[in-house]
Amino acid sequence: MAGQRVDEGEPEQGAAAAQQALDDAARVDSTLVASRLNTLLAAARPYSTAAVEEVRTRATNLAASRPTTVAA
């Protein structure tokens, strides 16, 4: 859902959905979750809103704490 919002040009809504995804990702170590977050982060590259930057920061912190790679 987060990626779809970003793809539709709604980065703020996508970032809100991504926050929930990051909450979920913090509870599990999943290659699928990491892959989907990587896809979302790639789609969000053109955007530099505060909400998107917060998602990038959280994803970076998550990647540092987990063995599954999330490219922030």
C-alpha atoms as a PDB file:
ATOM      1  CA  MET A   1       0.000   0.000   0.000  1.00  0.00           C
ATOM      2  CA  ALA A   2       2.806   2.411   0.844  1.00  0.00           C
ATOM      3  CA  GLY A   3       4.528   1.838  -2.474  1.00  0.00           C
ATOM      4  CA  GLN A   4       1.291   2.275  -4.368  1.00  0.00           C
ATOM      5  CA  ARG A   5       0.711   5.652  -2.714  1.00  0.00           C
ATOM      6  CA  VAL A   6       4.199   6.805  -3.612  1.00  0.00           C
ATOM      7  CA  ASP A   7       3.801   5.542  -7.184  1.00  0.00           C
ATOM      8  CA  GLU A   8       0.575   7.546  -7.410  1.00  0.00           C
ATOM      9  CA  GLY A   9       2.450  10.713  -6.432  1.00  0.00           C
ATOM     10  CA  GLU A  10       1.217  10.776  -2.842  1.00  0.00           C
ATOM     11  CA  PRO A  11       4.463  10.586  -0.850  1.00  0.00           C
ATOM     12  CA  GLU A  12       2.928  11.781   2.425  1.00  0.00           C
ATOM     13  CA  GLN A  13       0.304   9.024   2.411  1.00  0.00           C
ATOM     14  CA  GLY A  14       2.933   6.526   1.324  1.00  0.00           C
ATOM     15  CA  ALA A  15       5.185   7.594   4.181  1.00  0.00           C
ATOM     16  CA  ALA A  16       2.361   7.133   6.683  1.00  0.00           C
ATOM     17  CA  ALA A  17       1.766   3.598   5.420  1.00  0.00           C
ATOM     18  CA  ALA A  18       5.520   2.978   5.434  1.00  0.00           C
ATOM     19  CA  GLN A  19       5.686   3.883   9.111  1.00  0.00           C
ATOM     20  CA  GLN A  20       3.298   1.007   9.823  1.00  0.00           C
ATOM     21  CA  ALA A  21       5.372  -1.275   7.624  1.00  0.00           C
ATOM     22  CA  LEU A  22       8.498  -0.288   9.541  1.00  0.00           C
ATOM     23  CA  ASP A  23       6.737  -1.017  12.829  1.00  0.00           C
ATOM     24  CA  ASP A  24       5.929  -4.489  11.506  1.00  0.00           C
ATOM     25  CA  ALA A  25       9.407  -4.979  10.057  1.00  0.00           C
ATOM     26  CA  ALA A  26      10.981  -4.199  13.416  1.00  0.00           C
ATOM     27  CA  ARG A  27       9.191  -7.203  14.907  1.00  0.00           C
ATOM     28  CA  VAL A  28      10.315  -9.745  12.301  1.00  0.00           C
ATOM     29  CA  ASP A  29      13.448 -10.500  10.323  1.00  0.00           C
ATOM     30  CA  SER A  30      12.055 -11.161   6.874  1.00  0.00           C
ATOM     31  CA  THR A  31      13.686 -11.042   3.479  1.00  0.00           C
ATOM     32  CA  LEU A  32      10.285 -10.344   1.903  1.00  0.00           C
ATOM     33  CA  VAL A  33       9.683  -7.352   4.186  1.00  0.00           C
ATOM     34  CA  ALA A  34      13.171  -6.028   3.444  1.00  0.00           C
ATOM     35  CA  SER A  35      12.573  -6.445  -0.293  1.00  0.00           C
ATOM     36  CA  ARG A  36       9.309  -4.546  -0.163  1.00  0.00           C
ATOM     37  CA  LEU A  37      10.862  -1.756   1.892  1.00  0.00           C
ATOM     38  CA  ASN A  38      13.675  -1.529  -0.652  1.00  0.00           C
ATOM     39  CA  THR A  39      11.087  -1.195  -3.426  1.00  0.00           C
ATOM     40  CA  LEU A  40       9.295   1.532  -1.481  1.00  0.00           C
ATOM     41  CA  LEU A  41      12.505   3.425  -0.777  1.00  0.00           C
ATOM     42  CA  ALA A  42      13.456   3.283  -4.447  1.00  0.00           C
ATOM     43  CA  ALA A  43      10.055   4.688  -5.432  1.00  0.00           C
ATOM     44  CA  ALA A  44      10.402   7.452  -2.828  1.00  0.00           C
ATOM     45  CA  ARG A  45      13.803   8.670  -4.072  1.00  0.00           C
ATOM     46  CA  PRO A  46      12.361  11.653  -5.995  1.00  0.00           C
ATOM     47  CA  TYR A  47      10.638  12.963  -2.864  1.00  0.00           C
ATOM     48  CA  SER A  48      12.263  14.888  -0.051  1.00  0.00           C
ATOM     49  CA  THR A  49       9.402  15.677   2.289  1.00  0.00           C
ATOM     50  CA  ALA A  50       9.897  15.489   6.047  1.00  0.00           C
ATOM     51  CA  ALA A  51       7.709  12.381   6.241  1.00  0.00           C
ATOM     52  CA  VAL A  52       9.690  10.586   3.537  1.00  0.00           C
ATOM     53  CA  GLU A  53      12.981  11.566   5.173  1.00  0.00           C
ATOM     54  CA  GLU A  54      11.732  10.147   8.472  1.00  0.00           C
ATOM     55  CA  VAL A  55      10.933   6.849   6.732  1.00  0.00           C
ATOM     56  CA  ARG A  56      14.433   6.796   5.235  1.00  0.00           C
ATOM     57  CA  THR A  57      15.971   7.396   8.662  1.00  0.00           C
ATOM     58  CA  ARG A  58      13.911   4.653  10.296  1.00  0.00           C
ATOM     59  CA  ALA A  59      14.747   2.236   7.479  1.00  0.00           C
ATOM     60  CA  THR A  60      18.447   3.026   7.864  1.00  0.00           C
ATOM     61  CA  ASN A  61      18.260   2.412  11.609  1.00  0.00           C
ATOM     62  CA  LEU A  62      16.367  -0.833  11.048  1.00  0.00           C
ATOM     63  CA  ALA A  63      18.943  -1.993   8.537  1.00  0.00           C
ATOM     64  CA  ALA A  64      21.718  -1.317  11.050  1.00  0.00           C
ATOM     65  CA  SER A  65      20.013  -3.454  13.673  1.00  0.00           C
ATOM     66  CA  ARG A  66      18.975  -6.429  11.512  1.00  0.00           C
ATOM     67  CA  PRO A  67      20.893  -8.980   9.485  1.00  0.00           C
ATOM     68  CA  THR A  68      18.360  -8.680   6.635  1.00  0.00           C
ATOM     69  CA  THR A  69      19.445  -5.870   4.346  1.00  0.00           C
ATOM     70  CA  VAL A  70      17.276  -2.805   3.859  1.00  0.00           C
ATOM     71  CA  ALA A  71      18.878  -0.302   1.499  1.00  0.00           C
ATOM     72  CA  ALA A  72      17.950   3.082   2.898  1.00  0.00           C
END
